[in-house]
Amino acid sequence: EPSVHPSNDPDVVVIEFDGFGHGAATGEPYDQSYI
């Protein structure tokens, strides 16, 4: 679920979210946090 942070500029928004998956070749986990 994204966390949405509006900015002083109405055309700009900051979102925080996490993506989950795995490496296609390795099977290693891909648990990434994004801003």
PDB file of all heavy atoms in Angstrom:
ATOM      1  N   GLU A   1       0.859  -1.178   0.000  1.00  0.00           N
ATOM      2  CA  GLU A   1       0.000   0.000   0.000  1.00  0.00           C
ATOM      3  C   GLU A   1       0.906   1.242   0.000  1.00  0.00           C
ATOM      4  O   GLU A   1       1.848   1.315   0.783  1.00  0.00           O
ATOM      5  CB  GLU A   1      -0.865  -0.030   1.259  1.00  0.00           C
ATOM      6  CG  GLU A   1      -1.873   1.036   1.371  1.00  0.00           C
ATOM      7  CD  GLU A   1      -3.094   0.772   0.513  1.00  0.00           C
ATOM      8  OE1 GLU A   1      -3.316  -0.362   0.070  1.00  0.00           O
ATOM      9  OE2 GLU A   1      -3.832   1.730   0.295  1.00  0.00           O
ATOM     10  N   PRO A   2       0.655   2.220  -0.867  1.00  0.00           N
ATOM     11  CA  PRO A   2       1.519   3.404  -0.874  1.00  0.00           C
ATOM     12  C   PRO A   2       1.174   4.375   0.251  1.00  0.00           C
ATOM     13  O   PRO A   2       0.014   4.503   0.648  1.00  0.00           O
ATOM     14  CB  PRO A   2       1.220   4.042  -2.226  1.00  0.00           C
ATOM     15  CG  PRO A   2      -0.202   3.648  -2.515  1.00  0.00           C
ATOM     16  CD  PRO A   2      -0.352   2.270  -1.922  1.00  0.00           C
ATOM     17  N   SER A   3       2.198   5.035   0.764  1.00  0.00           N
ATOM     18  CA  SER A   3       2.008   6.187   1.641  1.00  0.00           C
ATOM     19  C   SER A   3       2.222   7.409   0.763  1.00  0.00           C
ATOM     20  O   SER A   3       3.279   7.549   0.131  1.00  0.00           O
ATOM     21  CB  SER A   3       3.025   6.197   2.783  1.00  0.00           C
ATOM     22  OG  SER A   3       2.768   5.148   3.672  1.00  0.00           O
ATOM     23  N   VAL A   4       1.236   8.275   0.694  1.00  0.00           N
ATOM     24  CA  VAL A   4       1.269   9.422  -0.201  1.00  0.00           C
ATOM     25  C   VAL A   4       1.536  10.682   0.608  1.00  0.00           C
ATOM     26  O   VAL A   4       0.869  10.937   1.615  1.00  0.00           O
ATOM     27  CB  VAL A   4      -0.069   9.546  -0.958  1.00  0.00           C
ATOM     28  CG1 VAL A   4      -0.055  10.740  -1.890  1.00  0.00           C
ATOM     29  CG2 VAL A   4      -0.362   8.258  -1.724  1.00  0.00           C
ATOM     30  N   HIS A   5       2.519  11.461   0.139  1.00  0.00           N
ATOM     31  CA  HIS A   5       2.896  12.705   0.787  1.00  0.00           C
ATOM     32  C   HIS A   5       2.763  13.845  -0.219  1.00  0.00           C
ATOM     33  O   HIS A   5       3.620  14.010  -1.082  1.00  0.00           O
ATOM     34  CB  HIS A   5       4.341  12.644   1.291  1.00  0.00           C
ATOM     35  CG  HIS A   5       4.617  11.448   2.146  1.00  0.00           C
ATOM     36  ND1 HIS A   5       4.252  11.374   3.470  1.00  0.00           N
ATOM     37  CD2 HIS A   5       5.196  10.262   1.853  1.00  0.00           C
ATOM     38  CE1 HIS A   5       4.621  10.203   3.965  1.00  0.00           C
ATOM     39  NE2 HIS A   5       5.192   9.501   3.002  1.00  0.00           N
ATOM     40  N   PRO A   6       1.681  14.608  -0.138  1.00  0.00           N
ATOM     41  CA  PRO A   6       1.540  15.744  -1.050  1.00  0.00           C
ATOM     42  C   PRO A   6       2.644  16.776  -0.790  1.00  0.00           C
ATOM     43  O   PRO A   6       3.200  16.841   0.308  1.00  0.00           O
ATOM     44  CB  PRO A   6       0.171  16.329  -0.690  1.00  0.00           C
ATOM     45  CG  PRO A   6      -0.520  15.275   0.109  1.00  0.00           C
ATOM     46  CD  PRO A   6       0.556  14.463   0.760  1.00  0.00           C
ATOM     47  N   SER A   7       2.961  17.558  -1.798  1.00  0.00           N
ATOM     48  CA  SER A   7       3.971  18.595  -1.634  1.00  0.00           C
ATOM     49  C   SER A   7       3.309  19.969  -1.742  1.00  0.00           C
ATOM     50  O   SER A   7       2.103  20.073  -1.966  1.00  0.00           O
ATOM     51  CB  SER A   7       5.056  18.435  -2.706  1.00  0.00           C
ATOM     52  OG  SER A   7       4.569  18.862  -3.959  1.00  0.00           O
ATOM     53  N   ASN A   8       4.115  21.012  -1.604  1.00  0.00           N
ATOM     54  CA  ASN A   8       3.596  22.367  -1.762  1.00  0.00           C
ATOM     55  C   ASN A   8       3.203  22.646  -3.208  1.00  0.00           C
ATOM     56  O   ASN A   8       2.440  23.557  -3.475  1.00  0.00           O
ATOM     57  CB  ASN A   8       4.626  23.395  -1.293  1.00  0.00           C
ATOM     58  CG  ASN A   8       4.822  23.345   0.206  1.00  0.00           C
ATOM     59  OD1 ASN A   8       3.936  22.930   0.946  1.00  0.00           O
ATOM     60  ND2 ASN A   8       5.984  23.754   0.663  1.00  0.00           N
ATOM     61  N   ASP A   9       3.763  21.877  -4.129  1.00  0.00           N
ATOM     62  CA  ASP A   9       3.442  21.994  -5.551  1.00  0.00           C
ATOM     63  C   ASP A   9       2.312  21.003  -5.841  1.00  0.00           C
ATOM     64  O   ASP A   9       2.496  19.798  -5.677  1.00  0.00           O
ATOM     65  CB  ASP A   9       4.683  21.670  -6.385  1.00  0.00           C
ATOM     66  CG  ASP A   9       4.479  21.817  -7.869  1.00  0.00           C
ATOM     67  OD1 ASP A   9       3.321  21.703  -8.340  1.00  0.00           O
ATOM     68  OD2 ASP A   9       5.481  22.019  -8.571  1.00  0.00           O
ATOM     69  N   PRO A  10       1.146  21.453  -6.280  1.00  0.00           N
ATOM     70  CA  PRO A  10       0.025  20.534  -6.492  1.00  0.00           C
ATOM     71  C   PRO A  10       0.281  19.493  -7.591  1.00  0.00           C
ATOM     72  O   PRO A  10      -0.441  18.499  -7.666  1.00  0.00           O
ATOM     73  CB  PRO A  10      -1.141  21.454  -6.864  1.00  0.00           C
ATOM     74  CG  PRO A  10      -0.502  22.708  -7.332  1.00  0.00           C
ATOM     75  CD  PRO A  10       0.797  22.832  -6.599  1.00  0.00           C
ATOM     76  N   ASP A  11       1.294  19.700  -8.420  1.00  0.00           N
ATOM     77  CA  ASP A  11       1.611  18.742  -9.485  1.00  0.00           C
ATOM     78  C   ASP A  11       2.653  17.711  -9.064  1.00  0.00           C
ATOM     79  O   ASP A  11       3.030  16.855  -9.861  1.00  0.00           O
ATOM     80  CB  ASP A  11       2.108  19.484 -10.730  1.00  0.00           C
ATOM     81  CG  ASP A  11       1.036  20.376 -11.325  1.00  0.00           C
ATOM     82  OD1 ASP A  11      -0.162  20.010 -11.221  1.00  0.00           O
ATOM     83  OD2 ASP A  11       1.374  21.432 -11.876  1.00  0.00           O
ATOM     84  N   VAL A  12       3.137  17.802  -7.826  1.00  0.00           N
ATOM     85  CA  VAL A  12       4.172  16.885  -7.336  1.00  0.00           C
ATOM     86  C   VAL A  12       3.649  16.133  -6.118  1.00  0.00           C
ATOM     87  O   VAL A  12       3.042  16.714  -5.224  1.00  0.00           O
ATOM     88  CB  VAL A  12       5.470  17.642  -6.965  1.00  0.00           C
ATOM     89  CG1 VAL A  12       6.487  16.705  -6.328  1.00  0.00           C
ATOM     90  CG2 VAL A  12       6.068  18.311  -8.201  1.00  0.00           C
ATOM     91  N   VAL A  13       3.914  14.829  -6.120  1.00  0.00           N
ATOM     92  CA  VAL A  13       3.554  13.994  -4.982  1.00  0.00           C
ATOM     93  C   VAL A  13       4.742  13.078  -4.686  1.00  0.00           C
ATOM     94  O   VAL A  13       5.484  12.688  -5.594  1.00  0.00           O
ATOM     95  CB  VAL A  13       2.255  13.192  -5.245  1.00  0.00           C
ATOM     96  CG1 VAL A  13       2.448  12.183  -6.350  1.00  0.00           C
ATOM     97  CG2 VAL A  13       1.752  12.526  -3.995  1.00  0.00           C
ATOM     98  N   VAL A  14       4.926  12.763  -3.421  1.00  0.00           N
ATOM     99  CA  VAL A  14       5.964  11.826  -2.991  1.00  0.00           C
ATOM    100  C   VAL A  14       5.252  10.598  -2.452  1.00  0.00           C
ATOM    101  O   VAL A  14       4.326  10.721  -1.642  1.00  0.00           O
ATOM    102  CB  VAL A  14       6.862  12.441  -1.897  1.00  0.00           C
ATOM    103  CG1 VAL A  14       7.882  11.433  -1.392  1.00  0.00           C
ATOM    104  CG2 VAL A  14       7.548  13.707  -2.409  1.00  0.00           C
ATOM    105  N   ILE A  15       5.676   9.432  -2.936  1.00  0.00           N
ATOM    106  CA  ILE A  15       5.065   8.201  -2.434  1.00  0.00           C
ATOM    107  C   ILE A  15       6.151   7.271  -1.912  1.00  0.00           C
ATOM    108  O   ILE A  15       7.264   7.231  -2.434  1.00  0.00           O
ATOM    109  CB  ILE A  15       4.188   7.490  -3.483  1.00  0.00           C
ATOM    110  CG1 ILE A  15       4.984   7.094  -4.717  1.00  0.00           C
ATOM    111  CG2 ILE A  15       3.012   8.345  -3.865  1.00  0.00           C
ATOM    112  CD1 ILE A  15       4.199   6.228  -5.690  1.00  0.00           C
ATOM    113  N   GLU A  16       5.806   6.557  -0.860  1.00  0.00           N
ATOM    114  CA  GLU A  16       6.652   5.502  -0.307  1.00  0.00           C
ATOM    115  C   GLU A  16       5.900   4.200  -0.472  1.00  0.00           C
ATOM    116  O   GLU A  16       4.693   4.134  -0.207  1.00  0.00           O
ATOM    117  CB  GLU A  16       6.903   5.734   1.181  1.00  0.00           C
ATOM    118  CG  GLU A  16       7.708   6.955   1.512  1.00  0.00           C
ATOM    119  CD  GLU A  16       7.894   7.085   3.017  1.00  0.00           C
ATOM    120  OE1 GLU A  16       8.657   6.279   3.610  1.00  0.00           O
ATOM    121  OE2 GLU A  16       7.248   7.973   3.603  1.00  0.00           O
ATOM    122  N   PHE A  17       6.621   3.174  -0.918  1.00  0.00           N
ATOM    123  CA  PHE A  17       6.002   1.862  -1.074  1.00  0.00           C
ATOM    124  C   PHE A  17       7.098   0.808  -1.106  1.00  0.00           C
ATOM    125  O   PHE A  17       8.288   1.118  -1.228  1.00  0.00           O
ATOM    126  CB  PHE A  17       5.131   1.795  -2.339  1.00  0.00           C
ATOM    127  CG  PHE A  17       5.885   2.002  -3.619  1.00  0.00           C
ATOM    128  CD1 PHE A  17       6.306   0.925  -4.382  1.00  0.00           C
ATOM    129  CD2 PHE A  17       6.183   3.283  -4.068  1.00  0.00           C
ATOM    130  CE1 PHE A  17       7.005   1.115  -5.560  1.00  0.00           C
ATOM    131  CE2 PHE A  17       6.871   3.484  -5.249  1.00  0.00           C
ATOM    132  CZ  PHE A  17       7.283   2.406  -6.001  1.00  0.00           C
ATOM    133  N   ASP A  18       6.700  -0.435  -0.977  1.00  0.00           N
ATOM    134  CA  ASP A  18       7.622  -1.570  -1.037  1.00  0.00           C
ATOM    135  C   ASP A  18       7.236  -2.460  -2.205  1.00  0.00           C
ATOM    136  O   ASP A  18       6.051  -2.620  -2.504  1.00  0.00           O
ATOM    137  CB  ASP A  18       7.578  -2.389   0.253  1.00  0.00           C
ATOM    138  CG  ASP A  18       8.004  -1.575   1.459  1.00  0.00           C
ATOM    139  OD1 ASP A  18       9.029  -0.874   1.386  1.00  0.00           O
ATOM    140  OD2 ASP A  18       7.295  -1.648   2.474  1.00  0.00           O
ATOM    141  N   GLY A  19       8.243  -3.026  -2.854  1.00  0.00           N
ATOM    142  CA  GLY A  19       8.028  -3.998  -3.920  1.00  0.00           C
ATOM    143  C   GLY A  19       8.601  -5.334  -3.492  1.00  0.00           C
ATOM    144  O   GLY A  19       9.684  -5.382  -2.892  1.00  0.00           O
ATOM    145  N   PHE A  20       7.898  -6.406  -3.785  1.00  0.00           N
ATOM    146  CA  PHE A  20       8.327  -7.740  -3.383  1.00  0.00           C
ATOM    147  C   PHE A  20       8.367  -8.668  -4.585  1.00  0.00           C
ATOM    148  O   PHE A  20       7.473  -8.653  -5.423  1.00  0.00           O
ATOM    149  CB  PHE A  20       7.364  -8.316  -2.340  1.00  0.00           C
ATOM    150  CG  PHE A  20       7.235  -7.454  -1.120  1.00  0.00           C
ATOM    151  CD1 PHE A  20       6.199  -6.537  -1.018  1.00  0.00           C
ATOM    152  CD2 PHE A  20       8.157  -7.539  -0.097  1.00  0.00           C
ATOM    153  CE1 PHE A  20       6.075  -5.724   0.098  1.00  0.00           C
ATOM    154  CE2 PHE A  20       8.045  -6.730   1.022  1.00  0.00           C
ATOM    155  CZ  PHE A  20       6.996  -5.823   1.125  1.00  0.00           C
ATOM    156  N   GLY A  21       9.397  -9.463  -4.656  1.00  0.00           N
ATOM    157  CA  GLY A  21       9.531 -10.421  -5.738  1.00  0.00           C
ATOM    158  C   GLY A  21      10.808 -11.211  -5.553  1.00  0.00           C
ATOM    159  O   GLY A  21      11.275 -11.425  -4.424  1.00  0.00           O
ATOM    160  N   HIS A  22      11.427 -11.599  -6.694  1.00  0.00           N
ATOM    161  CA  HIS A  22      12.673 -12.348  -6.626  1.00  0.00           C
ATOM    162  C   HIS A  22      13.448 -12.180  -7.929  1.00  0.00           C
ATOM    163  O   HIS A  22      12.876 -11.814  -8.964  1.00  0.00           O
ATOM    164  CB  HIS A  22      12.413 -13.832  -6.335  1.00  0.00           C
ATOM    165  CG  HIS A  22      11.595 -14.504  -7.388  1.00  0.00           C
ATOM    166  ND1 HIS A  22      10.220 -14.492  -7.374  1.00  0.00           N
ATOM    167  CD2 HIS A  22      11.947 -15.195  -8.500  1.00  0.00           C
ATOM    168  CE1 HIS A  22       9.763 -15.155  -8.419  1.00  0.00           C
ATOM    169  NE2 HIS A  22      10.789 -15.589  -9.127  1.00  0.00           N
ATOM    170  N   GLY A  23      14.747 -12.447  -7.848  1.00  0.00           N
ATOM    171  CA  GLY A  23      15.579 -12.415  -9.038  1.00  0.00           C
ATOM    172  C   GLY A  23      15.158 -13.525  -9.976  1.00  0.00           C
ATOM    173  O   GLY A  23      14.995 -14.666  -9.554  1.00  0.00           O
ATOM    174  N   ALA A  24      14.990 -13.197 -11.257  1.00  0.00           N
ATOM    175  CA  ALA A  24      14.536 -14.193 -12.226  1.00  0.00           C
ATOM    176  C   ALA A  24      15.541 -15.319 -12.386  1.00  0.00           C
ATOM    177  O   ALA A  24      15.157 -16.485 -12.497  1.00  0.00           O
ATOM    178  CB  ALA A  24      14.266 -13.525 -13.578  1.00  0.00           C
ATOM    179  N   ALA A  25      16.828 -15.015 -12.383  1.00  0.00           N
ATOM    180  CA  ALA A  25      17.853 -16.040 -12.597  1.00  0.00           C
ATOM    181  C   ALA A  25      18.297 -16.714 -11.301  1.00  0.00           C
ATOM    182  O   ALA A  25      18.676 -17.878 -11.311  1.00  0.00           O
ATOM    183  CB  ALA A  25      19.073 -15.425 -13.293  1.00  0.00           C
ATOM    184  N   THR A  26      18.229 -15.972 -10.180  1.00  0.00           N
ATOM    185  CA  THR A  26      18.778 -16.497  -8.925  1.00  0.00           C
ATOM    186  C   THR A  26      17.722 -17.052  -7.979  1.00  0.00           C
ATOM    187  O   THR A  26      18.039 -17.871  -7.122  1.00  0.00           O
ATOM    188  CB  THR A  26      19.534 -15.391  -8.168  1.00  0.00           C
ATOM    189  OG1 THR A  26      18.595 -14.379  -7.781  1.00  0.00           O
ATOM    190  CG2 THR A  26      20.656 -14.798  -9.008  1.00  0.00           C
ATOM    191  N   GLY A  27      16.501 -16.550  -8.073  1.00  0.00           N
ATOM    192  CA  GLY A  27      15.472 -16.908  -7.102  1.00  0.00           C
ATOM    193  C   GLY A  27      15.632 -16.180  -5.782  1.00  0.00           C
ATOM    194  O   GLY A  27      14.818 -16.336  -4.877  1.00  0.00           O
ATOM    195  N   GLU A  28      16.676 -15.363  -5.670  1.00  0.00           N
ATOM    196  CA  GLU A  28      16.923 -14.606  -4.428  1.00  0.00           C
ATOM    197  C   GLU A  28      15.811 -13.576  -4.227  1.00  0.00           C
ATOM    198  O   GLU A  28      15.298 -12.998  -5.185  1.00  0.00           O
ATOM    199  CB  GLU A  28      18.273 -13.872  -4.506  1.00  0.00           C
ATOM    200  CG  GLU A  28      19.473 -14.778  -4.564  1.00  0.00           C
ATOM    201  CD  GLU A  28      19.950 -15.248  -3.200  1.00  0.00           C
ATOM    202  OE1 GLU A  28      19.390 -14.823  -2.170  1.00  0.00           O
ATOM    203  OE2 GLU A  28      20.890 -16.058  -3.174  1.00  0.00           O
ATOM    204  N   PRO A  29      15.443 -13.308  -2.977  1.00  0.00           N
ATOM    205  CA  PRO A  29      14.363 -12.362  -2.720  1.00  0.00           C
ATOM    206  C   PRO A  29      14.710 -10.945  -3.172  1.00  0.00           C
ATOM    207  O   PRO A  29      15.864 -10.515  -3.100  1.00  0.00           O
ATOM    208  CB  PRO A  29      14.170 -12.415  -1.209  1.00  0.00           C
ATOM    209  CG  PRO A  29      15.354 -13.091  -0.656  1.00  0.00           C
ATOM    210  CD  PRO A  29      15.992 -13.881  -1.752  1.00  0.00           C
ATOM    211  N   TYR A  30      13.699 -10.257  -3.630  1.00  0.00           N
ATOM    212  CA  TYR A  30      13.788  -8.841  -3.969  1.00  0.00           C
ATOM    213  C   TYR A  30      12.720  -8.143  -3.142  1.00  0.00           C
ATOM    214  O   TYR A  30      11.537  -8.172  -3.474  1.00  0.00           O
ATOM    215  CB  TYR A  30      13.547  -8.612  -5.457  1.00  0.00           C
ATOM    216  CG  TYR A  30      13.633  -7.155  -5.855  1.00  0.00           C
ATOM    217  CD1 TYR A  30      14.863  -6.554  -6.064  1.00  0.00           C
ATOM    218  CD2 TYR A  30      12.494  -6.382  -6.017  1.00  0.00           C
ATOM    219  CE1 TYR A  30      14.956  -5.219  -6.428  1.00  0.00           C
ATOM    220  CE2 TYR A  30      12.571  -5.051  -6.373  1.00  0.00           C
ATOM    221  CZ  TYR A  30      13.806  -4.470  -6.574  1.00  0.00           C
ATOM    222  OH  TYR A  30      13.897  -3.142  -6.929  1.00  0.00           O
ATOM    223  N   ASP A  31      13.131  -7.606  -2.022  1.00  0.00           N
ATOM    224  CA  ASP A  31      12.234  -6.883  -1.119  1.00  0.00           C
ATOM    225  C   ASP A  31      12.786  -5.467  -1.020  1.00  0.00           C
ATOM    226  O   ASP A  31      13.718  -5.203  -0.254  1.00  0.00           O
ATOM    227  CB  ASP A  31      12.175  -7.546   0.259  1.00  0.00           C
ATOM    228  CG  ASP A  31      11.623  -8.965   0.200  1.00  0.00           C
ATOM    229  OD1 ASP A  31      10.951  -9.310  -0.792  1.00  0.00           O
ATOM    230  OD2 ASP A  31      11.874  -9.736   1.142  1.00  0.00           O
ATOM    231  N   GLN A  32      12.243  -4.580  -1.814  1.00  0.00           N
ATOM    232  CA  GLN A  32      12.796  -3.246  -2.009  1.00  0.00           C
ATOM    233  C   GLN A  32      11.855  -2.181  -1.463  1.00  0.00           C
ATOM    234  O   GLN A  32      10.639  -2.257  -1.666  1.00  0.00           O
ATOM    235  CB  GLN A  32      13.007  -3.017  -3.505  1.00  0.00           C
ATOM    236  CG  GLN A  32      13.609  -1.695  -3.905  1.00  0.00           C
ATOM    237  CD  GLN A  32      15.072  -1.587  -3.566  1.00  0.00           C
ATOM    238  OE1 GLN A  32      15.413  -1.094  -2.501  1.00  0.00           O
ATOM    239  NE2 GLN A  32      15.929  -2.052  -4.450  1.00  0.00           N
ATOM    240  N   SER A  33      12.425  -1.184  -0.789  1.00  0.00           N
ATOM    241  CA  SER A  33      11.675  -0.008  -0.365  1.00  0.00           C
ATOM    242  C   SER A  33      11.988   1.125  -1.332  1.00  0.00           C
ATOM    243  O   SER A  33      13.149   1.328  -1.696  1.00  0.00           O
ATOM    244  CB  SER A  33      12.071   0.406   1.051  1.00  0.00           C
ATOM    245  OG  SER A  33      11.691  -0.591   1.971  1.00  0.00           O
ATOM    246  N   TYR A  34      10.955   1.832  -1.735  1.00  0.00           N
ATOM    247  CA  TYR A  34      11.090   2.920  -2.693  1.00  0.00           C
ATOM    248  C   TYR A  34      10.550   4.222  -2.116  1.00  0.00           C
ATOM    249  O   TYR A  34       9.575   4.214  -1.365  1.00  0.00           O
ATOM    250  CB  TYR A  34      10.259   2.652  -3.953  1.00  0.00           C
ATOM    251  CG  TYR A  34      10.624   1.436  -4.737  1.00  0.00           C
ATOM    252  CD1 TYR A  34      10.042   0.203  -4.446  1.00  0.00           C
ATOM    253  CD2 TYR A  34      11.512   1.509  -5.802  1.00  0.00           C
ATOM    254  CE1 TYR A  34      10.346  -0.925  -5.191  1.00  0.00           C
ATOM    255  CE2 TYR A  34      11.818   0.386  -6.556  1.00  0.00           C
ATOM    256  CZ  TYR A  34      11.234  -0.825  -6.245  1.00  0.00           C
ATOM    257  OH  TYR A  34      11.533  -1.937  -6.987  1.00  0.00           O
ATOM    258  N   ILE A  35      11.163   5.307  -2.534  1.00  0.00           N
ATOM    259  CA  ILE A  35      10.594   6.641  -2.375  1.00  0.00           C
ATOM    260  C   ILE A  35      10.610   7.235  -3.771  1.00  0.00           C
ATOM    261  O   ILE A  35      11.654   7.285  -4.424  1.00  0.00           O
ATOM    262  CB  ILE A  35      11.397   7.514  -1.391  1.00  0.00           C
ATOM    263  CG1 ILE A  35      11.348   6.907   0.005  1.00  0.00           C
ATOM    264  CG2 ILE A  35      10.858   8.949  -1.399  1.00  0.00           C
ATOM    265  CD1 ILE A  35      12.185   7.634   1.032  1.00  0.00           C
TER     266      ILE A  35
END
